[in-house]
Each structure stands twice: as C-alpha cells, then as structure tokens.
Amino acid sequence: MPDEVLLALPDRRLRALVLAQLQEEGYQVVAVPRFSHALRLLARGLRPKAVVAELEDAPEAALEGLRRSGVAVLVVGGQLEREKAKRLPLPCILRPFTVGQLVDRVRDLVGPPRKDASR
C-alpha cells in the first residue's frame, strides 16, 4: 500500500500548506476541498493509509466507517467543536495548531513514509 494520505480540508490555505509539507516529508497526497469529494475517490477505489478531514464537513458515521475499514482518520476541528470531537472514537487536532503539528499527527498515525514512496 502506498504512503498515501487523503486530505479533505475546505480551507484552501491550510490544505495547500499541509499538502506541501506532507509531500516534502515523502508522502503521496491527494487533496480535495470537501469530504464529499473524498468519499467519491474512496468509492472509486482509492485506498489511502490515512484520511484527514474537517469535522464540520464530514459526517461522523462516514468517519467511523473509514476507521472500521482500517483507514487511519485524523479529524481537524475548531474550539467550538471540542465537545463533539471528544465524543468521537477518533484522533482529533483542534485549532489553533501549526502545520507541523498536524503533519506530526499524520506521521503518528501511519508512520514515516517509505523512502521510495515519493519517487
């Protein structure tokens, strides 16, 4: 399985920064602006090691289904979503955070990329 990460983040700037940093680290990344786009890719056969999704954009049942299927899921949320995030059986990173902190959380979930993964 490739060291692939699927980013489903509506914030264009955050998505671009995380995409660039993950690629710099050696991960293969597919980035989309909505969780609904991520679901379409998954339905077409994309099998990433991890999905990073915005909590307010992703149905909890879909996130839980991904986790049960063996995909690591990292939920991104804001301070207003703290209580909702606590109820989820998924790792969550709440704003404010740095791009480096988010990338560290992805690495914690899936491990470091293989040396040949980006080549």
PDB file of N, CA and C in Angstrom:
ATOM      1  N   MET A   1       0.851  -1.182   0.000  1.00  0.00           N
ATOM      2  CA  MET A   1       0.000   0.000   0.000  1.00  0.00           C
ATOM      3  C   MET A   1       0.892   1.239   0.000  1.00  0.00           C
ATOM      4  N   PRO A   2       0.605   2.212  -0.862  1.00  0.00           N
ATOM      5  CA  PRO A   2       1.432   3.409  -0.890  1.00  0.00           C
ATOM      6  C   PRO A   2       1.251   4.225   0.388  1.00  0.00           C
ATOM      7  N   ASP A   3       2.211   5.105   0.620  1.00  0.00           N
ATOM      8  CA  ASP A   3       2.129   6.009   1.772  1.00  0.00           C
ATOM      9  C   ASP A   3       1.244   7.177   1.387  1.00  0.00           C
ATOM     10  N   GLU A   4      -0.005   6.897   1.153  1.00  0.00           N
ATOM     11  CA  GLU A   4      -0.908   7.904   0.620  1.00  0.00           C
ATOM     12  C   GLU A   4      -1.795   8.471   1.713  1.00  0.00           C
ATOM     13  N   VAL A   5      -1.945   9.777   1.661  1.00  0.00           N
ATOM     14  CA  VAL A   5      -2.793  10.489   2.598  1.00  0.00           C
ATOM     15  C   VAL A   5      -3.835  11.249   1.783  1.00  0.00           C
ATOM     16  N   LEU A   6      -5.073  11.138   2.196  1.00  0.00           N
ATOM     17  CA  LEU A   6      -6.163  11.860   1.554  1.00  0.00           C
ATOM     18  C   LEU A   6      -6.557  13.023   2.455  1.00  0.00           C
ATOM     19  N   LEU A   7      -6.361  14.239   1.948  1.00  0.00           N
ATOM     20  CA  LEU A   7      -6.727  15.447   2.687  1.00  0.00           C
ATOM     21  C   LEU A   7      -8.075  15.936   2.193  1.00  0.00           C
ATOM     22  N   ALA A   8      -9.013  16.121   3.099  1.00  0.00           N
ATOM     23  CA  ALA A   8     -10.322  16.691   2.753  1.00  0.00           C
ATOM     24  C   ALA A   8     -10.522  17.908   3.647  1.00  0.00           C
ATOM     25  N   LEU A   9      -9.922  19.017   3.232  1.00  0.00           N
ATOM     26  CA  LEU A   9      -9.931  20.230   4.035  1.00  0.00           C
ATOM     27  C   LEU A   9     -10.478  21.399   3.221  1.00  0.00           C
ATOM     28  N   PRO A  10     -11.590  21.989   3.647  1.00  0.00           N
ATOM     29  CA  PRO A  10     -12.200  23.095   2.897  1.00  0.00           C
ATOM     30  C   PRO A  10     -11.345  24.363   2.850  1.00  0.00           C
ATOM     31  N   ASP A  11     -10.541  24.605   3.880  1.00  0.00           N
ATOM     32  CA  ASP A  11      -9.711  25.810   3.929  1.00  0.00           C
ATOM     33  C   ASP A  11      -8.562  25.666   2.926  1.00  0.00           C
ATOM     34  N   ARG A  12      -8.623  26.437   1.850  1.00  0.00           N
ATOM     35  CA  ARG A  12      -7.664  26.314   0.745  1.00  0.00           C
ATOM     36  C   ARG A  12      -6.220  26.517   1.216  1.00  0.00           C
ATOM     37  N   ARG A  13      -6.006  27.500   2.054  1.00  0.00           N
ATOM     38  CA  ARG A  13      -4.649  27.800   2.516  1.00  0.00           C
ATOM     39  C   ARG A  13      -4.107  26.645   3.373  1.00  0.00           C
ATOM     40  N   LEU A  14      -4.896  26.188   4.324  1.00  0.00           N
ATOM     41  CA  LEU A  14      -4.468  25.075   5.162  1.00  0.00           C
ATOM     42  C   LEU A  14      -4.219  23.837   4.323  1.00  0.00           C
ATOM     43  N   ARG A  15      -5.116  23.549   3.398  1.00  0.00           N
ATOM     44  CA  ARG A  15      -4.964  22.373   2.535  1.00  0.00           C
ATOM     45  C   ARG A  15      -3.651  22.452   1.752  1.00  0.00           C
ATOM     46  N   ALA A  16      -3.348  23.620   1.185  1.00  0.00           N
ATOM     47  CA  ALA A  16      -2.129  23.785   0.392  1.00  0.00           C
ATOM     48  C   ALA A  16      -0.877  23.632   1.255  1.00  0.00           C
ATOM     49  N   LEU A  17      -0.887  24.206   2.437  1.00  0.00           N
ATOM     50  CA  LEU A  17       0.273  24.122   3.322  1.00  0.00           C
ATOM     51  C   LEU A  17       0.515  22.699   3.812  1.00  0.00           C
ATOM     52  N   VAL A  18      -0.550  22.018   4.198  1.00  0.00           N
ATOM     53  CA  VAL A  18      -0.414  20.629   4.668  1.00  0.00           C
ATOM     54  C   VAL A  18       0.015  19.724   3.512  1.00  0.00           C
ATOM     55  N   LEU A  19      -0.581  19.922   2.351  1.00  0.00           N
ATOM     56  CA  LEU A  19      -0.199  19.158   1.161  1.00  0.00           C
ATOM     57  C   LEU A  19       1.298  19.305   0.891  1.00  0.00           C
ATOM     58  N   ALA A  20       1.782  20.536   0.875  1.00  0.00           N
ATOM     59  CA  ALA A  20       3.201  20.778   0.584  1.00  0.00           C
ATOM     60  C   ALA A  20       4.105  20.129   1.633  1.00  0.00           C
ATOM     61  N   GLN A  21       3.735  20.243   2.892  1.00  0.00           N
ATOM     62  CA  GLN A  21       4.584  19.682   3.951  1.00  0.00           C
ATOM     63  C   GLN A  21       4.583  18.151   3.920  1.00  0.00           C
ATOM     64  N   LEU A  22       3.422  17.554   3.712  1.00  0.00           N
ATOM     65  CA  LEU A  22       3.370  16.083   3.631  1.00  0.00           C
ATOM     66  C   LEU A  22       4.174  15.580   2.441  1.00  0.00           C
ATOM     67  N   GLN A  23       4.072  16.267   1.304  1.00  0.00           N
ATOM     68  CA  GLN A  23       4.854  15.866   0.132  1.00  0.00           C
ATOM     69  C   GLN A  23       6.346  16.026   0.390  1.00  0.00           C
ATOM     70  N   GLU A  24       6.715  17.106   1.064  1.00  0.00           N
ATOM     71  CA  GLU A  24       8.114  17.324   1.418  1.00  0.00           C
ATOM     72  C   GLU A  24       8.638  16.197   2.302  1.00  0.00           C
ATOM     73  N   GLU A  25       7.774  15.682   3.159  1.00  0.00           N
ATOM     74  CA  GLU A  25       8.145  14.577   4.055  1.00  0.00           C
ATOM     75  C   GLU A  25       8.257  13.248   3.304  1.00  0.00           C
ATOM     76  N   GLY A  26       7.681  13.167   2.095  1.00  0.00           N
ATOM     77  CA  GLY A  26       7.765  11.950   1.304  1.00  0.00           C
ATOM     78  C   GLY A  26       6.464  11.191   1.133  1.00  0.00           C
ATOM     79  N   TYR A  27       5.373  11.752   1.626  1.00  0.00           N
ATOM     80  CA  TYR A  27       4.067  11.099   1.461  1.00  0.00           C
ATOM     81  C   TYR A  27       3.478  11.425   0.095  1.00  0.00           C
ATOM     82  N   GLN A  28       2.722  10.491  -0.439  1.00  0.00           N
ATOM     83  CA  GLN A  28       1.905  10.752  -1.613  1.00  0.00           C
ATOM     84  C   GLN A  28       0.580  11.284  -1.083  1.00  0.00           C
ATOM     85  N   VAL A  29       0.123  12.401  -1.632  1.00  0.00           N
ATOM     86  CA  VAL A  29      -1.045  13.069  -1.077  1.00  0.00           C
ATOM     87  C   VAL A  29      -2.047  13.377  -2.183  1.00  0.00           C
ATOM     88  N   VAL A  30      -3.302  13.123  -1.858  1.00  0.00           N
ATOM     89  CA  VAL A  30      -4.417  13.556  -2.700  1.00  0.00           C
ATOM     90  C   VAL A  30      -5.190  14.556  -1.848  1.00  0.00           C
ATOM     91  N   ALA A  31      -5.397  15.759  -2.390  1.00  0.00           N
ATOM     92  CA  ALA A  31      -6.060  16.807  -1.628  1.00  0.00           C
ATOM     93  C   ALA A  31      -7.338  17.240  -2.338  1.00  0.00           C
ATOM     94  N   VAL A  32      -8.421  17.311  -1.575  1.00  0.00           N
ATOM     95  CA  VAL A  32      -9.716  17.740  -2.105  1.00  0.00           C
ATOM     96  C   VAL A  32     -10.341  18.753  -1.138  1.00  0.00           C
ATOM     97  N   PRO A  33     -11.223  19.614  -1.657  1.00  0.00           N
ATOM     98  CA  PRO A  33     -11.793  20.661  -0.804  1.00  0.00           C
ATOM     99  C   PRO A  33     -12.982  20.237   0.053  1.00  0.00           C
ATOM    100  N   ARG A  34     -13.573  19.096  -0.218  1.00  0.00           N
ATOM    101  CA  ARG A  34     -14.764  18.674   0.529  1.00  0.00           C
ATOM    102  C   ARG A  34     -14.674  17.188   0.835  1.00  0.00           C
ATOM    103  N   PHE A  35     -15.279  16.809   1.940  1.00  0.00           N
ATOM    104  CA  PHE A  35     -15.307  15.398   2.313  1.00  0.00           C
ATOM    105  C   PHE A  35     -16.126  14.593   1.299  1.00  0.00           C
ATOM    106  N   SER A  36     -17.130  15.204   0.712  1.00  0.00           N
ATOM    107  CA  SER A  36     -17.919  14.500  -0.302  1.00  0.00           C
ATOM    108  C   SER A  36     -17.049  14.096  -1.497  1.00  0.00           C
ATOM    109  N   HIS A  37     -16.066  14.927  -1.840  1.00  0.00           N
ATOM    110  CA  HIS A  37     -15.131  14.561  -2.917  1.00  0.00           C
ATOM    111  C   HIS A  37     -14.258  13.382  -2.487  1.00  0.00           C
ATOM    112  N   ALA A  38     -13.857  13.385  -1.237  1.00  0.00           N
ATOM    113  CA  ALA A  38     -13.058  12.271  -0.720  1.00  0.00           C
ATOM    114  C   ALA A  38     -13.848  10.964  -0.797  1.00  0.00           C
ATOM    115  N   LEU A  39     -15.121  11.029  -0.430  1.00  0.00           N
ATOM    116  CA  LEU A  39     -15.951   9.818  -0.493  1.00  0.00           C
ATOM    117  C   LEU A  39     -16.056   9.286  -1.917  1.00  0.00           C
ATOM    118  N   ARG A  40     -16.152  10.174  -2.895  1.00  0.00           N
ATOM    119  CA  ARG A  40     -16.201   9.723  -4.298  1.00  0.00           C
ATOM    120  C   ARG A  40     -14.904   9.016  -4.691  1.00  0.00           C
ATOM    121  N   LEU A  41     -13.767   9.572  -4.277  1.00  0.00           N
ATOM    122  CA  LEU A  41     -12.484   8.925  -4.584  1.00  0.00           C
ATOM    123  C   LEU A  41     -12.380   7.560  -3.919  1.00  0.00           C
ATOM    124  N   LEU A  42     -12.826   7.475  -2.680  1.00  0.00           N
ATOM    125  CA  LEU A  42     -12.807   6.203  -1.971  1.00  0.00           C
ATOM    126  C   LEU A  42     -13.722   5.184  -2.662  1.00  0.00           C
ATOM    127  N   ALA A  43     -14.871   5.633  -3.135  1.00  0.00           N
ATOM    128  CA  ALA A  43     -15.800   4.745  -3.837  1.00  0.00           C
ATOM    129  C   ALA A  43     -15.205   4.243  -5.153  1.00  0.00           C
ATOM    130  N   ARG A  44     -14.314   5.027  -5.733  1.00  0.00           N
ATOM    131  CA  ARG A  44     -13.653   4.639  -6.993  1.00  0.00           C
ATOM    132  C   ARG A  44     -12.431   3.766  -6.767  1.00  0.00           C
ATOM    133  N   GLY A  45     -12.108   3.478  -5.506  1.00  0.00           N
ATOM    134  CA  GLY A  45     -11.032   2.545  -5.238  1.00  0.00           C
ATOM    135  C   GLY A  45      -9.790   3.113  -4.586  1.00  0.00           C
ATOM    136  N   LEU A  46      -9.737   4.408  -4.318  1.00  0.00           N
ATOM    137  CA  LEU A  46      -8.589   4.964  -3.612  1.00  0.00           C
ATOM    138  C   LEU A  46      -8.517   4.352  -2.220  1.00  0.00           C
ATOM    139  N   ARG A  47      -7.350   3.862  -1.836  1.00  0.00           N
ATOM    140  CA  ARG A  47      -7.167   3.237  -0.529  1.00  0.00           C
ATOM    141  C   ARG A  47      -5.984   3.884   0.188  1.00  0.00           C
ATOM    142  N   PRO A  48      -6.203   5.049   0.758  1.00  0.00           N
ATOM    143  CA  PRO A  48      -5.107   5.721   1.461  1.00  0.00           C
ATOM    144  C   PRO A  48      -4.833   5.062   2.803  1.00  0.00           C
ATOM    145  N   LYS A  49      -3.666   5.340   3.332  1.00  0.00           N
ATOM    146  CA  LYS A  49      -3.358   4.908   4.691  1.00  0.00           C
ATOM    147  C   LYS A  49      -4.101   5.766   5.687  1.00  0.00           C
ATOM    148  N   ALA A  50      -4.303   7.057   5.336  1.00  0.00           N
ATOM    149  CA  ALA A  50      -4.941   7.979   6.271  1.00  0.00           C
ATOM    150  C   ALA A  50      -5.813   8.984   5.527  1.00  0.00           C
ATOM    151  N   VAL A  51      -6.861   9.412   6.223  1.00  0.00           N
ATOM    152  CA  VAL A  51      -7.721  10.497   5.752  1.00  0.00           C
ATOM    153  C   VAL A  51      -7.690  11.582   6.820  1.00  0.00           C
ATOM    154  N   VAL A  52      -7.448  12.808   6.381  1.00  0.00           N
ATOM    155  CA  VAL A  52      -7.503  13.973   7.264  1.00  0.00           C
ATOM    156  C   VAL A  52      -8.733  14.762   6.832  1.00  0.00           C
ATOM    157  N   ALA A  53      -9.692  14.922   7.753  1.00  0.00           N
ATOM    158  CA  ALA A  53     -10.971  15.534   7.389  1.00  0.00           C
ATOM    159  C   ALA A  53     -11.393  16.592   8.399  1.00  0.00           C
ATOM    160  N   GLU A  54     -12.026  17.613   7.897  1.00  0.00           N
ATOM    161  CA  GLU A  54     -12.594  18.672   8.733  1.00  0.00           C
ATOM    162  C   GLU A  54     -13.866  18.149   9.393  1.00  0.00           C
ATOM    163  N   LEU A  55     -13.952  18.272  10.695  1.00  0.00           N
ATOM    164  CA  LEU A  55     -15.079  17.727  11.441  1.00  0.00           C
ATOM    165  C   LEU A  55     -16.411  18.297  10.976  1.00  0.00           C
ATOM    166  N   GLU A  56     -16.485  19.591  10.741  1.00  0.00           N
ATOM    167  CA  GLU A  56     -17.758  20.202  10.354  1.00  0.00           C
ATOM    168  C   GLU A  56     -18.187  19.815   8.941  1.00  0.00           C
ATOM    169  N   ASP A  57     -17.279  19.249   8.143  1.00  0.00           N
ATOM    170  CA  ASP A  57     -17.564  18.886   6.756  1.00  0.00           C
ATOM    171  C   ASP A  57     -17.820  17.392   6.579  1.00  0.00           C
ATOM    172  N   ALA A  58     -17.543  16.594   7.597  1.00  0.00           N
ATOM    173  CA  ALA A  58     -17.592  15.139   7.441  1.00  0.00           C
ATOM    174  C   ALA A  58     -18.597  14.520   8.402  1.00  0.00           C
ATOM    175  N   PRO A  59     -19.534  13.731   7.874  1.00  0.00           N
ATOM    176  CA  PRO A  59     -20.476  13.036   8.758  1.00  0.00           C
ATOM    177  C   PRO A  59     -19.745  12.053   9.681  1.00  0.00           C
ATOM    178  N   GLU A  60     -20.128  12.063  10.938  1.00  0.00           N
ATOM    179  CA  GLU A  60     -19.479  11.194  11.919  1.00  0.00           C
ATOM    180  C   GLU A  60     -19.552   9.722  11.516  1.00  0.00           C
ATOM    181  N   ALA A  61     -20.685   9.300  10.989  1.00  0.00           N
ATOM    182  CA  ALA A  61     -20.841   7.894  10.594  1.00  0.00           C
ATOM    183  C   ALA A  61     -19.857   7.523   9.493  1.00  0.00           C
ATOM    184  N   ALA A  62     -19.609   8.422   8.562  1.00  0.00           N
ATOM    185  CA  ALA A  62     -18.657   8.144   7.481  1.00  0.00           C
ATOM    186  C   ALA A  62     -17.237   8.055   8.018  1.00  0.00           C
ATOM    187  N   LEU A  63     -16.895   8.935   8.950  1.00  0.00           N
ATOM    188  CA  LEU A  63     -15.569   8.891   9.562  1.00  0.00           C
ATOM    189  C   LEU A  63     -15.366   7.578  10.314  1.00  0.00           C
ATOM    190  N   GLU A  64     -16.372   7.191  11.072  1.00  0.00           N
ATOM    191  CA  GLU A  64     -16.303   5.940  11.828  1.00  0.00           C
ATOM    192  C   GLU A  64     -16.218   4.739  10.883  1.00  0.00           C
ATOM    193  N   GLY A  65     -16.940   4.785   9.774  1.00  0.00           N
ATOM    194  CA  GLY A  65     -16.875   3.709   8.786  1.00  0.00           C
ATOM    195  C   GLY A  65     -15.481   3.560   8.196  1.00  0.00           C
ATOM    196  N   LEU A  66     -14.827   4.673   7.931  1.00  0.00           N
ATOM    197  CA  LEU A  66     -13.448   4.619   7.432  1.00  0.00           C
ATOM    198  C   LEU A  66     -12.536   3.950   8.448  1.00  0.00           C
ATOM    199  N   ARG A  67     -12.675   4.356   9.695  1.00  0.00           N
ATOM    200  CA  ARG A  67     -11.844   3.774  10.753  1.00  0.00           C
ATOM    201  C   ARG A  67     -12.057   2.272  10.848  1.00  0.00           C
ATOM    202  N   ARG A  68     -13.325   1.851  10.786  1.00  0.00           N
ATOM    203  CA  ARG A  68     -13.622   0.414  10.880  1.00  0.00           C
ATOM    204  C   ARG A  68     -13.062  -0.357   9.692  1.00  0.00           C
ATOM    205  N   SER A  69     -12.909   0.321   8.546  1.00  0.00           N
ATOM    206  CA  SER A  69     -12.374  -0.358   7.361  1.00  0.00           C
ATOM    207  C   SER A  69     -10.848  -0.418   7.360  1.00  0.00           C
ATOM    208  N   GLY A  70     -10.227   0.135   8.399  1.00  0.00           N
ATOM    209  CA  GLY A  70      -8.778   0.047   8.511  1.00  0.00           C
ATOM    210  C   GLY A  70      -8.018   1.284   8.075  1.00  0.00           C
ATOM    211  N   VAL A  71      -8.725   2.344   7.710  1.00  0.00           N
ATOM    212  CA  VAL A  71      -8.073   3.588   7.318  1.00  0.00           C
ATOM    213  C   VAL A  71      -7.894   4.445   8.569  1.00  0.00           C
ATOM    214  N   ALA A  72      -6.688   4.956   8.758  1.00  0.00           N
ATOM    215  CA  ALA A  72      -6.450   5.879   9.871  1.00  0.00           C
ATOM    216  C   ALA A  72      -7.158   7.195   9.557  1.00  0.00           C
ATOM    217  N   VAL A  73      -7.822   7.757  10.540  1.00  0.00           N
ATOM    218  CA  VAL A  73      -8.565   9.002  10.347  1.00  0.00           C
ATOM    219  C   VAL A  73      -8.078  10.017  11.371  1.00  0.00           C
ATOM    220  N   LEU A  74      -7.789  11.220  10.885  1.00  0.00           N
ATOM    221  CA  LEU A  74      -7.472  12.345  11.757  1.00  0.00           C
ATOM    222  C   LEU A  74      -8.497  13.430  11.489  1.00  0.00           C
ATOM    223  N   VAL A  75      -9.184  13.840  12.529  1.00  0.00           N
ATOM    224  CA  VAL A  75     -10.225  14.850  12.411  1.00  0.00           C
ATOM    225  C   VAL A  75      -9.638  16.207  12.813  1.00  0.00           C
ATOM    226  N   VAL A  76      -9.931  17.218  12.010  1.00  0.00           N
ATOM    227  CA  VAL A  76      -9.500  18.585  12.261  1.00  0.00           C
ATOM    228  C   VAL A  76     -10.726  19.379  12.689  1.00  0.00           C
ATOM    229  N   GLY A  77     -10.605  20.110  13.773  1.00  0.00           N
ATOM    230  CA  GLY A  77     -11.749  20.879  14.244  1.00  0.00           C
ATOM    231  C   GLY A  77     -11.338  22.185  14.886  1.00  0.00           C
ATOM    232  N   GLY A  78     -12.351  22.964  15.192  1.00  0.00           N
ATOM    233  CA  GLY A  78     -12.144  24.221  15.880  1.00  0.00           C
ATOM    234  C   GLY A  78     -12.518  24.097  17.342  1.00  0.00           C
ATOM    235  N   GLN A  79     -12.245  25.132  18.091  1.00  0.00           N
ATOM    236  CA  GLN A  79     -12.544  25.116  19.517  1.00  0.00           C
ATOM    237  C   GLN A  79     -14.032  24.931  19.796  1.00  0.00           C
ATOM    238  N   LEU A  80     -14.899  25.438  18.917  1.00  0.00           N
ATOM    239  CA  LEU A  80     -16.339  25.275  19.109  1.00  0.00           C
ATOM    240  C   LEU A  80     -16.784  23.828  18.967  1.00  0.00           C
ATOM    241  N   GLU A  81     -15.973  23.015  18.345  1.00  0.00           N
ATOM    242  CA  GLU A  81     -16.311  21.604  18.127  1.00  0.00           C
ATOM    243  C   GLU A  81     -15.646  20.683  19.150  1.00  0.00           C
ATOM    244  N   ARG A  82     -15.070  21.248  20.171  1.00  0.00           N
ATOM    245  CA  ARG A  82     -14.334  20.472  21.175  1.00  0.00           C
ATOM    246  C   ARG A  82     -15.178  19.342  21.757  1.00  0.00           C
ATOM    247  N   GLU A  83     -16.408  19.624  22.167  1.00  0.00           N
ATOM    248  CA  GLU A  83     -17.262  18.590  22.784  1.00  0.00           C
ATOM    249  C   GLU A  83     -17.613  17.491  21.785  1.00  0.00           C
ATOM    250  N   LYS A  84     -17.932  17.883  20.566  1.00  0.00           N
ATOM    251  CA  LYS A  84     -18.238  16.893  19.533  1.00  0.00           C
ATOM    252  C   LYS A  84     -17.014  16.011  19.269  1.00  0.00           C
ATOM    253  N   ALA A  85     -15.850  16.624  19.221  1.00  0.00           N
ATOM    254  CA  ALA A  85     -14.622  15.874  18.965  1.00  0.00           C
ATOM    255  C   ALA A  85     -14.336  14.881  20.086  1.00  0.00           C
ATOM    256  N   LYS A  86     -14.627  15.262  21.315  1.00  0.00           N
ATOM    257  CA  LYS A  86     -14.390  14.363  22.455  1.00  0.00           C
ATOM    258  C   LYS A  86     -15.232  13.096  22.361  1.00  0.00           C
ATOM    259  N   ARG A  87     -16.414  13.204  21.764  1.00  0.00           N
ATOM    260  CA  ARG A  87     -17.306  12.037  21.657  1.00  0.00           C
ATOM    261  C   ARG A  87     -16.860  11.056  20.571  1.00  0.00           C
ATOM    262  N   LEU A  88     -16.064  11.523  19.636  1.00  0.00           N
ATOM    263  CA  LEU A  88     -15.641  10.657  18.540  1.00  0.00           C
ATOM    264  C   LEU A  88     -14.553   9.682  18.993  1.00  0.00           C
ATOM    265  N   PRO A  89     -14.622   8.443  18.521  1.00  0.00           N
ATOM    266  CA  PRO A  89     -13.561   7.487  18.844  1.00  0.00           C
ATOM    267  C   PRO A  89     -12.397   7.602  17.856  1.00  0.00           C
ATOM    268  N   LEU A  90     -12.057   8.850  17.528  1.00  0.00           N
ATOM    269  CA  LEU A  90     -11.028   9.115  16.522  1.00  0.00           C
ATOM    270  C   LEU A  90     -10.063  10.171  17.039  1.00  0.00           C
ATOM    271  N   PRO A  91      -8.819  10.127  16.583  1.00  0.00           N
ATOM    272  CA  PRO A  91      -7.902  11.192  16.954  1.00  0.00           C
ATOM    273  C   PRO A  91      -8.346  12.507  16.331  1.00  0.00           C
ATOM    274  N   CYS A  92      -8.136  13.583  17.068  1.00  0.00           N
ATOM    275  CA  CYS A  92      -8.580  14.898  16.626  1.00  0.00           C
ATOM    276  C   CYS A  92      -7.516  15.927  16.965  1.00  0.00           C
ATOM    277  N   ILE A  93      -7.349  16.890  16.087  1.00  0.00           N
ATOM    278  CA  ILE A  93      -6.483  18.028  16.368  1.00  0.00           C
ATOM    279  C   ILE A  93      -7.344  19.280  16.243  1.00  0.00           C
ATOM    280  N   LEU A  94      -7.317  20.089  17.294  1.00  0.00           N
ATOM    281  CA  LEU A  94      -8.155  21.285  17.342  1.00  0.00           C
ATOM    282  C   LEU A  94      -7.318  22.541  17.140  1.00  0.00           C
ATOM    283  N   ARG A  95      -7.910  23.493  16.444  1.00  0.00           N
ATOM    284  CA  ARG A  95      -7.264  24.790  16.280  1.00  0.00           C
ATOM    285  C   ARG A  95      -7.160  25.487  17.627  1.00  0.00           C
ATOM    286  N   PRO A  96      -6.124  26.252  17.816  1.00  0.00           N
ATOM    287  CA  PRO A  96      -5.027  26.550  16.888  1.00  0.00           C
ATOM    288  C   PRO A  96      -3.955  25.452  16.907  1.00  0.00           C
ATOM    289  N   PHE A  97      -3.394  25.178  15.752  1.00  0.00           N
ATOM    290  CA  PHE A  97      -2.280  24.250  15.618  1.00  0.00           C
ATOM    291  C   PHE A  97      -1.423  24.724  14.460  1.00  0.00           C
ATOM    292  N   THR A  98      -0.203  24.231  14.415  1.00  0.00           N
ATOM    293  CA  THR A  98       0.672  24.553  13.295  1.00  0.00           C
ATOM    294  C   THR A  98       0.575  23.447  12.248  1.00  0.00           C
ATOM    295  N   VAL A  99       1.004  23.752  11.052  1.00  0.00           N
ATOM    296  CA  VAL A  99       1.052  22.735  10.000  1.00  0.00           C
ATOM    297  C   VAL A  99       1.960  21.592  10.459  1.00  0.00           C
ATOM    298  N   GLY A 100       3.059  21.926  11.093  1.00  0.00           N
ATOM    299  CA  GLY A 100       3.970  20.904  11.591  1.00  0.00           C
ATOM    300  C   GLY A 100       3.317  19.975  12.596  1.00  0.00           C
ATOM    301  N   GLN A 101       2.487  20.526  13.466  1.00  0.00           N
ATOM    302  CA  GLN A 101       1.786  19.686  14.442  1.00  0.00           C
ATOM    303  C   GLN A 101       0.811  18.737  13.751  1.00  0.00           C
ATOM    304  N   LEU A 102       0.121  19.214  12.732  1.00  0.00           N
ATOM    305  CA  LEU A 102      -0.809  18.352  12.001  1.00  0.00           C
ATOM    306  C   LEU A 102      -0.046  17.244  11.284  1.00  0.00           C
ATOM    307  N   VAL A 103       1.048  17.602  10.648  1.00  0.00           N
ATOM    308  CA  VAL A 103       1.865  16.601   9.946  1.00  0.00           C
ATOM    309  C   VAL A 103       2.422  15.581  10.940  1.00  0.00           C
ATOM    310  N   ASP A 104       2.836  16.038  12.114  1.00  0.00           N
ATOM    311  CA  ASP A 104       3.302  15.109  13.152  1.00  0.00           C
ATOM    312  C   ASP A 104       2.211  14.118  13.533  1.00  0.00           C
ATOM    313  N   ARG A 105       0.986  14.580  13.630  1.00  0.00           N
ATOM    314  CA  ARG A 105      -0.141  13.693  13.980  1.00  0.00           C
ATOM    315  C   ARG A 105      -0.366  12.659  12.877  1.00  0.00           C
ATOM    316  N   VAL A 106      -0.249  13.077  11.613  1.00  0.00           N
ATOM    317  CA  VAL A 106      -0.376  12.126  10.499  1.00  0.00           C
ATOM    318  C   VAL A 106       0.730  11.077  10.609  1.00  0.00           C
ATOM    319  N   ARG A 107       1.955  11.514  10.846  1.00  0.00           N
ATOM    320  CA  ARG A 107       3.076  10.583  10.971  1.00  0.00           C
ATOM    321  C   ARG A 107       2.854   9.616  12.128  1.00  0.00           C
ATOM    322  N   ASP A 108       2.301  10.120  13.221  1.00  0.00           N
ATOM    323  CA  ASP A 108       1.998   9.246  14.367  1.00  0.00           C
ATOM    324  C   ASP A 108       0.996   8.161  13.982  1.00  0.00           C
ATOM    325  N   LEU A 109       0.057   8.496  13.106  1.00  0.00           N
ATOM    326  CA  LEU A 109      -0.981   7.537  12.704  1.00  0.00           C
ATOM    327  C   LEU A 109      -0.472   6.486  11.725  1.00  0.00           C
ATOM    328  N   VAL A 110       0.328   6.912  10.752  1.00  0.00           N
ATOM    329  CA  VAL A 110       0.690   6.000   9.668  1.00  0.00           C
ATOM    330  C   VAL A 110       2.167   5.644   9.616  1.00  0.00           C
ATOM    331  N   GLY A 111       2.961   6.271  10.463  1.00  0.00           N
ATOM    332  CA  GLY A 111       4.398   6.020  10.425  1.00  0.00           C
ATOM    333  C   GLY A 111       5.071   6.868   9.371  1.00  0.00           C
ATOM    334  N   PRO A 112       6.398   6.821   9.351  1.00  0.00           N
ATOM    335  CA  PRO A 112       7.124   7.613   8.353  1.00  0.00           C
ATOM    336  C   PRO A 112       6.931   7.020   6.965  1.00  0.00           C
ATOM    337  N   PRO A 113       7.030   7.862   5.944  1.00  0.00           N
ATOM    338  CA  PRO A 113       6.878   7.329   4.578  1.00  0.00           C
ATOM    339  C   PRO A 113       8.072   6.453   4.209  1.00  0.00           C
ATOM    340  N   ARG A 114       7.814   5.489   3.342  1.00  0.00           N
ATOM    341  CA  ARG A 114       8.928   4.703   2.814  1.00  0.00           C
ATOM    342  C   ARG A 114       9.797   5.616   1.967  1.00  0.00           C
ATOM    343  N   LYS A 115      11.065   5.339   1.928  1.00  0.00           N
ATOM    344  CA  LYS A 115      11.996   6.201   1.186  1.00  0.00           C
ATOM    345  C   LYS A 115      11.647   6.310  -0.283  1.00  0.00           C
ATOM    346  N   ASP A 116      11.101   5.242  -0.864  1.00  0.00           N
ATOM    347  CA  ASP A 116      10.795   5.254  -2.296  1.00  0.00           C
ATOM    348  C   ASP A 116       9.361   5.661  -2.576  1.00  0.00           C
ATOM    349  N   ALA A 117       8.577   6.040  -1.569  1.00  0.00           N
ATOM    350  CA  ALA A 117       7.155   6.320  -1.760  1.00  0.00           C
ATOM    351  C   ALA A 117       6.902   7.507  -2.659  1.00  0.00           C
ATOM    352  N   SER A 118       7.766   8.510  -2.647  1.00  0.00           N
ATOM    353  CA  SER A 118       7.508   9.706  -3.455  1.00  0.00           C
ATOM    354  C   SER A 118       8.261   9.684  -4.766  1.00  0.00           C
ATOM    355  N   ARG A 119       8.948   8.648  -5.038  1.00  0.00           N
ATOM    356  CA  ARG A 119       9.750   8.590  -6.261  1.00  0.00           C
ATOM    357  C   ARG A 119       9.102   7.730  -7.308  1.00  0.00           C
TER     358      ARG A 119
END
